[in-house]
């Protein structure tokens, strides 16, 4: 397994997480019409980022086994929690922190 492709895959998960944060911030806003809820710059940019993340993921599979992809995909839990904490000011409860520690430990054990 090529470490360069592992980092590329994790990067794709990270930018996908950024996209989810953009969608969440868009969902928290009030819009004057139903169509503006779904067709606004934040939503369009977020889905563009999702598309780019998908292409990057496909490229990353050139150097990692298919069985490793879902393991690396779970880093999204970590990214979403961190981005939610810093950008959306969401709290990380002790239970959530314990869950994140378990997820990260599982990723490390699975990739060794």
N, C-alpha and C. Protein backbone atom coordinates (compact mmCIF):
# COMPACT_ATOMS: atom_id res chain seq x y z
N UNK A 1 0.86 -1.17 0.00
CA UNK A 1 0.00 0.00 0.00
C UNK A 1 0.91 1.24 0.00
N UNK A 2 0.65 2.12 -0.93
CA UNK A 2 1.45 3.33 -1.09
C UNK A 2 0.94 4.43 -0.15
N UNK A 3 1.80 4.92 0.78
CA UNK A 3 1.36 5.95 1.73
C UNK A 3 0.88 7.23 1.05
N UNK A 4 1.42 7.54 -0.10
CA UNK A 4 0.99 8.75 -0.82
C UNK A 4 -0.49 8.67 -1.16
N UNK A 5 -0.94 7.51 -1.60
CA UNK A 5 -2.35 7.34 -1.95
C UNK A 5 -3.25 7.33 -0.70
N UNK A 6 -2.69 6.87 0.41
CA UNK A 6 -3.44 6.92 1.67
C UNK A 6 -3.72 8.38 2.03
N UNK A 7 -2.70 9.22 1.94
CA UNK A 7 -2.89 10.64 2.25
C UNK A 7 -3.83 11.32 1.26
N UNK A 8 -3.77 10.92 0.00
CA UNK A 8 -4.69 11.46 -1.00
C UNK A 8 -6.12 11.07 -0.65
N UNK A 9 -6.33 9.83 -0.25
CA UNK A 9 -7.67 9.38 0.13
C UNK A 9 -8.18 10.15 1.35
N UNK A 10 -7.31 10.28 2.36
CA UNK A 10 -7.71 11.02 3.56
C UNK A 10 -8.00 12.48 3.22
N UNK A 11 -7.25 13.06 2.30
CA UNK A 11 -7.53 14.42 1.85
C UNK A 11 -8.92 14.51 1.21
N UNK A 12 -9.28 13.50 0.42
CA UNK A 12 -10.61 13.51 -0.21
C UNK A 12 -11.71 13.44 0.85
N UNK A 13 -11.48 12.67 1.90
CA UNK A 13 -12.46 12.59 2.99
C UNK A 13 -12.54 13.94 3.71
N UNK A 14 -11.40 14.59 3.89
CA UNK A 14 -11.37 15.89 4.55
C UNK A 14 -12.15 16.94 3.76
N UNK A 15 -11.93 17.01 2.45
CA UNK A 15 -12.65 18.04 1.68
C UNK A 15 -14.13 17.69 1.56
N UNK A 16 -14.45 16.42 1.60
CA UNK A 16 -15.86 16.02 1.64
C UNK A 16 -16.49 16.49 2.95
N UNK A 17 -15.74 16.41 4.03
CA UNK A 17 -16.22 16.89 5.33
C UNK A 17 -16.43 18.40 5.32
N UNK A 18 -15.54 19.12 4.67
CA UNK A 18 -15.71 20.57 4.52
C UNK A 18 -17.01 20.86 3.78
N UNK A 19 -17.27 20.08 2.75
CA UNK A 19 -18.50 20.24 1.98
C UNK A 19 -19.73 20.04 2.87
N UNK A 20 -19.67 19.05 3.74
CA UNK A 20 -20.80 18.79 4.64
C UNK A 20 -21.01 19.95 5.61
N UNK A 21 -19.92 20.55 6.06
CA UNK A 21 -20.02 21.71 6.96
C UNK A 21 -20.66 22.88 6.22
N UNK A 22 -20.29 23.08 4.96
CA UNK A 22 -20.89 24.15 4.15
C UNK A 22 -22.39 23.90 3.99
N UNK A 23 -22.78 22.66 3.73
CA UNK A 23 -24.21 22.34 3.61
C UNK A 23 -24.95 22.58 4.92
N UNK A 24 -24.33 22.21 6.04
CA UNK A 24 -24.95 22.42 7.35
C UNK A 24 -25.13 23.92 7.62
N UNK A 25 -24.13 24.73 7.29
CA UNK A 25 -24.26 26.17 7.52
C UNK A 25 -25.33 26.76 6.61
N UNK A 26 -25.48 26.22 5.42
CA UNK A 26 -26.53 26.68 4.53
C UNK A 26 -27.91 26.29 5.06
N UNK A 27 -28.00 25.11 5.63
CA UNK A 27 -29.28 24.64 6.17
C UNK A 27 -29.71 25.45 7.39
N UNK A 28 -28.77 26.05 8.08
CA UNK A 28 -29.08 26.84 9.26
C UNK A 28 -29.61 28.24 8.92
N UNK A 29 -29.49 28.64 7.67
CA UNK A 29 -29.97 29.96 7.26
C UNK A 29 -31.43 29.90 6.83
N UNK A 30 -32.11 31.02 6.95
CA UNK A 30 -33.49 31.15 6.47
C UNK A 30 -33.47 31.74 5.06
N UNK A 31 -34.29 31.18 4.19
CA UNK A 31 -34.37 31.65 2.80
C UNK A 31 -35.79 32.11 2.51
N UNK A 32 -35.90 33.04 1.57
CA UNK A 32 -37.21 33.60 1.25
C UNK A 32 -38.05 32.69 0.36
N UNK A 33 -37.43 31.71 -0.27
CA UNK A 33 -38.20 30.78 -1.10
C UNK A 33 -37.58 29.39 -1.03
N UNK A 34 -38.38 28.40 -1.35
CA UNK A 34 -37.95 27.00 -1.32
C UNK A 34 -36.80 26.76 -2.32
N UNK A 35 -36.90 27.39 -3.47
CA UNK A 35 -35.89 27.19 -4.51
C UNK A 35 -34.54 27.76 -4.08
N UNK A 36 -34.55 28.86 -3.32
CA UNK A 36 -33.30 29.47 -2.84
C UNK A 36 -32.61 28.59 -1.79
N UNK A 37 -33.39 27.75 -1.12
CA UNK A 37 -32.80 26.82 -0.16
C UNK A 37 -31.85 25.85 -0.84
N UNK A 38 -32.21 25.45 -2.04
CA UNK A 38 -31.44 24.42 -2.74
C UNK A 38 -30.55 24.98 -3.84
N UNK A 39 -30.86 26.14 -4.34
CA UNK A 39 -30.05 26.75 -5.39
C UNK A 39 -29.48 28.07 -4.89
N UNK A 40 -28.46 27.94 -4.07
CA UNK A 40 -27.74 29.11 -3.60
C UNK A 40 -26.25 28.81 -3.69
N UNK A 41 -25.40 29.81 -3.64
CA UNK A 41 -23.96 29.57 -3.84
C UNK A 41 -23.36 28.54 -2.89
N UNK A 42 -23.76 28.54 -1.63
CA UNK A 42 -23.17 27.58 -0.68
C UNK A 42 -23.49 26.14 -1.08
N UNK A 43 -24.72 25.88 -1.43
CA UNK A 43 -25.12 24.52 -1.79
C UNK A 43 -24.42 24.09 -3.09
N UNK A 44 -24.38 24.97 -4.05
CA UNK A 44 -23.75 24.64 -5.33
C UNK A 44 -22.25 24.38 -5.14
N UNK A 45 -21.59 25.22 -4.36
CA UNK A 45 -20.16 25.02 -4.08
C UNK A 45 -19.95 23.72 -3.32
N UNK A 46 -20.79 23.44 -2.33
CA UNK A 46 -20.65 22.21 -1.54
C UNK A 46 -20.76 20.97 -2.42
N UNK A 47 -21.73 20.96 -3.32
CA UNK A 47 -21.85 19.79 -4.20
C UNK A 47 -20.71 19.72 -5.21
N UNK A 48 -20.17 20.85 -5.60
CA UNK A 48 -18.97 20.85 -6.45
C UNK A 48 -17.79 20.23 -5.73
N UNK A 49 -17.66 20.56 -4.44
CA UNK A 49 -16.58 19.98 -3.63
C UNK A 49 -16.80 18.47 -3.47
N UNK A 50 -18.04 18.05 -3.24
CA UNK A 50 -18.35 16.61 -3.17
C UNK A 50 -17.91 15.90 -4.45
N UNK A 51 -18.19 16.51 -5.59
CA UNK A 51 -17.81 15.91 -6.86
C UNK A 51 -16.30 15.79 -6.97
N UNK A 52 -15.58 16.85 -6.59
CA UNK A 52 -14.12 16.81 -6.62
C UNK A 52 -13.58 15.74 -5.68
N UNK A 53 -14.19 15.62 -4.50
CA UNK A 53 -13.76 14.60 -3.54
C UNK A 53 -13.95 13.20 -4.11
N UNK A 54 -15.03 13.00 -4.84
CA UNK A 54 -15.27 11.70 -5.47
C UNK A 54 -14.19 11.37 -6.49
N UNK A 55 -13.83 12.35 -7.30
CA UNK A 55 -12.77 12.13 -8.30
C UNK A 55 -11.44 11.83 -7.62
N UNK A 56 -11.14 12.54 -6.55
CA UNK A 56 -9.89 12.31 -5.82
C UNK A 56 -9.90 10.91 -5.20
N UNK A 57 -11.04 10.48 -4.68
CA UNK A 57 -11.15 9.14 -4.10
C UNK A 57 -10.91 8.08 -5.16
N UNK A 58 -11.48 8.27 -6.32
CA UNK A 58 -11.27 7.30 -7.41
C UNK A 58 -9.79 7.21 -7.76
N UNK A 59 -9.12 8.36 -7.82
CA UNK A 59 -7.69 8.38 -8.10
C UNK A 59 -6.91 7.66 -6.99
N UNK A 60 -7.30 7.88 -5.73
CA UNK A 60 -6.59 7.27 -4.60
C UNK A 60 -6.67 5.75 -4.62
N UNK A 61 -7.76 5.22 -5.16
CA UNK A 61 -7.90 3.76 -5.22
C UNK A 61 -6.89 3.11 -6.15
N UNK A 62 -6.15 3.89 -6.89
CA UNK A 62 -5.08 3.31 -7.72
C UNK A 62 -3.97 2.73 -6.86
N UNK A 63 -3.80 3.27 -5.65
CA UNK A 63 -2.68 2.85 -4.82
C UNK A 63 -3.04 2.24 -3.49
N UNK A 64 -4.33 2.07 -3.22
CA UNK A 64 -4.72 1.41 -1.96
C UNK A 64 -5.70 0.29 -2.28
N UNK A 65 -5.68 -0.77 -1.47
CA UNK A 65 -6.63 -1.86 -1.69
C UNK A 65 -8.06 -1.41 -1.40
N UNK A 66 -8.99 -2.03 -2.07
CA UNK A 66 -10.40 -1.70 -1.89
C UNK A 66 -10.83 -1.91 -0.44
N UNK A 67 -10.24 -2.85 0.25
CA UNK A 67 -10.61 -3.14 1.63
C UNK A 67 -10.17 -2.05 2.61
N UNK A 68 -9.22 -1.21 2.20
CA UNK A 68 -8.71 -0.15 3.08
C UNK A 68 -9.55 1.12 2.95
N UNK A 69 -10.21 1.32 1.83
CA UNK A 69 -11.01 2.52 1.60
C UNK A 69 -12.02 2.82 2.69
N UNK A 70 -12.88 1.85 3.04
CA UNK A 70 -13.87 2.12 4.10
C UNK A 70 -13.24 2.45 5.45
N UNK A 71 -12.07 1.88 5.71
CA UNK A 71 -11.38 2.18 6.97
C UNK A 71 -10.95 3.65 6.98
N UNK A 72 -10.36 4.09 5.87
CA UNK A 72 -9.93 5.49 5.78
C UNK A 72 -11.12 6.44 5.73
N UNK A 73 -12.23 5.98 5.20
CA UNK A 73 -13.44 6.81 5.12
C UNK A 73 -13.94 7.19 6.51
N UNK A 74 -13.67 6.34 7.50
CA UNK A 74 -14.14 6.64 8.86
C UNK A 74 -13.42 7.84 9.47
N UNK A 75 -12.33 8.31 8.85
CA UNK A 75 -11.69 9.53 9.35
C UNK A 75 -12.65 10.71 9.22
N UNK A 76 -13.67 10.56 8.41
CA UNK A 76 -14.69 11.60 8.26
C UNK A 76 -15.36 11.95 9.59
N UNK A 77 -15.53 10.95 10.47
CA UNK A 77 -16.10 11.22 11.79
C UNK A 77 -15.23 12.21 12.56
N UNK A 78 -13.93 12.01 12.47
CA UNK A 78 -13.00 12.90 13.14
C UNK A 78 -13.04 14.31 12.53
N UNK A 79 -12.97 14.38 11.20
CA UNK A 79 -12.97 15.69 10.52
C UNK A 79 -14.27 16.46 10.81
N UNK A 80 -15.40 15.78 10.71
CA UNK A 80 -16.68 16.44 10.95
C UNK A 80 -16.77 16.97 12.38
N UNK A 81 -16.31 16.17 13.33
CA UNK A 81 -16.35 16.61 14.72
C UNK A 81 -15.46 17.83 14.95
N UNK A 82 -14.26 17.79 14.40
CA UNK A 82 -13.33 18.92 14.56
C UNK A 82 -13.83 20.17 13.85
N UNK A 83 -14.27 20.01 12.62
CA UNK A 83 -14.78 21.17 11.87
C UNK A 83 -16.05 21.72 12.51
N UNK A 84 -16.91 20.84 12.99
CA UNK A 84 -18.12 21.28 13.68
C UNK A 84 -17.79 22.05 14.94
N UNK A 85 -16.77 21.61 15.64
CA UNK A 85 -16.35 22.29 16.87
C UNK A 85 -15.79 23.68 16.56
N UNK A 86 -14.88 23.75 15.60
CA UNK A 86 -14.20 25.01 15.32
C UNK A 86 -15.03 25.98 14.48
N UNK A 87 -15.80 25.47 13.54
CA UNK A 87 -16.53 26.36 12.62
C UNK A 87 -17.96 26.60 13.08
N UNK A 88 -18.67 25.54 13.44
CA UNK A 88 -20.08 25.67 13.82
C UNK A 88 -20.27 25.86 15.33
N UNK A 89 -19.17 25.80 16.08
CA UNK A 89 -19.20 25.97 17.54
C UNK A 89 -20.04 24.90 18.23
N UNK A 90 -20.02 23.69 17.68
CA UNK A 90 -20.72 22.57 18.31
C UNK A 90 -19.84 21.99 19.41
N UNK A 91 -20.47 21.48 20.44
CA UNK A 91 -19.73 20.91 21.57
C UNK A 91 -19.39 19.45 21.29
N UNK A 92 -18.25 19.03 21.84
CA UNK A 92 -17.86 17.62 21.78
C UNK A 92 -18.05 17.07 23.19
N UNK A 93 -19.05 16.23 23.34
CA UNK A 93 -19.36 15.65 24.64
C UNK A 93 -18.33 14.57 24.99
N UNK A 94 -18.23 14.22 26.26
CA UNK A 94 -17.32 13.14 26.64
C UNK A 94 -17.61 11.83 25.90
N UNK A 95 -18.89 11.55 25.67
CA UNK A 95 -19.26 10.34 24.93
C UNK A 95 -18.77 10.39 23.49
N UNK A 96 -18.94 11.56 22.86
CA UNK A 96 -18.48 11.72 21.49
C UNK A 96 -16.95 11.62 21.43
N UNK A 97 -16.27 12.20 22.40
CA UNK A 97 -14.81 12.13 22.45
C UNK A 97 -14.35 10.67 22.59
N UNK A 98 -15.02 9.92 23.44
CA UNK A 98 -14.68 8.51 23.60
C UNK A 98 -14.90 7.75 22.28
N UNK A 99 -16.01 8.05 21.62
CA UNK A 99 -16.28 7.42 20.32
C UNK A 99 -15.21 7.75 19.29
N UNK A 100 -14.77 9.00 19.27
CA UNK A 100 -13.72 9.40 18.32
C UNK A 100 -12.41 8.70 18.62
N UNK A 101 -12.10 8.55 19.90
CA UNK A 101 -10.87 7.84 20.28
C UNK A 101 -10.95 6.38 19.82
N UNK A 102 -12.11 5.76 19.97
CA UNK A 102 -12.29 4.37 19.52
C UNK A 102 -12.15 4.28 18.00
N UNK A 103 -12.73 5.23 17.28
CA UNK A 103 -12.64 5.22 15.82
C UNK A 103 -11.19 5.38 15.37
N UNK A 104 -10.48 6.34 15.94
CA UNK A 104 -9.08 6.57 15.56
C UNK A 104 -8.23 5.36 15.90
N UNK A 105 -8.47 4.76 17.06
CA UNK A 105 -7.73 3.55 17.44
C UNK A 105 -8.01 2.42 16.45
N UNK A 106 -9.24 2.26 16.05
CA UNK A 106 -9.59 1.24 15.06
C UNK A 106 -8.92 1.48 13.72
N UNK A 107 -8.84 2.73 13.31
CA UNK A 107 -8.16 3.06 12.04
C UNK A 107 -6.69 2.68 12.13
N UNK A 108 -6.06 3.07 13.22
CA UNK A 108 -4.63 2.77 13.38
C UNK A 108 -4.38 1.28 13.40
N UNK A 109 -5.18 0.54 14.18
CA UNK A 109 -5.00 -0.91 14.27
C UNK A 109 -5.24 -1.57 12.91
N UNK A 110 -6.24 -1.11 12.18
CA UNK A 110 -6.57 -1.73 10.88
C UNK A 110 -5.51 -1.47 9.82
N UNK A 111 -4.83 -0.35 9.93
CA UNK A 111 -3.86 0.02 8.88
C UNK A 111 -2.44 -0.47 9.18
N UNK A 112 -2.25 -1.03 10.36
CA UNK A 112 -0.89 -1.52 10.70
C UNK A 112 -0.66 -2.87 10.08
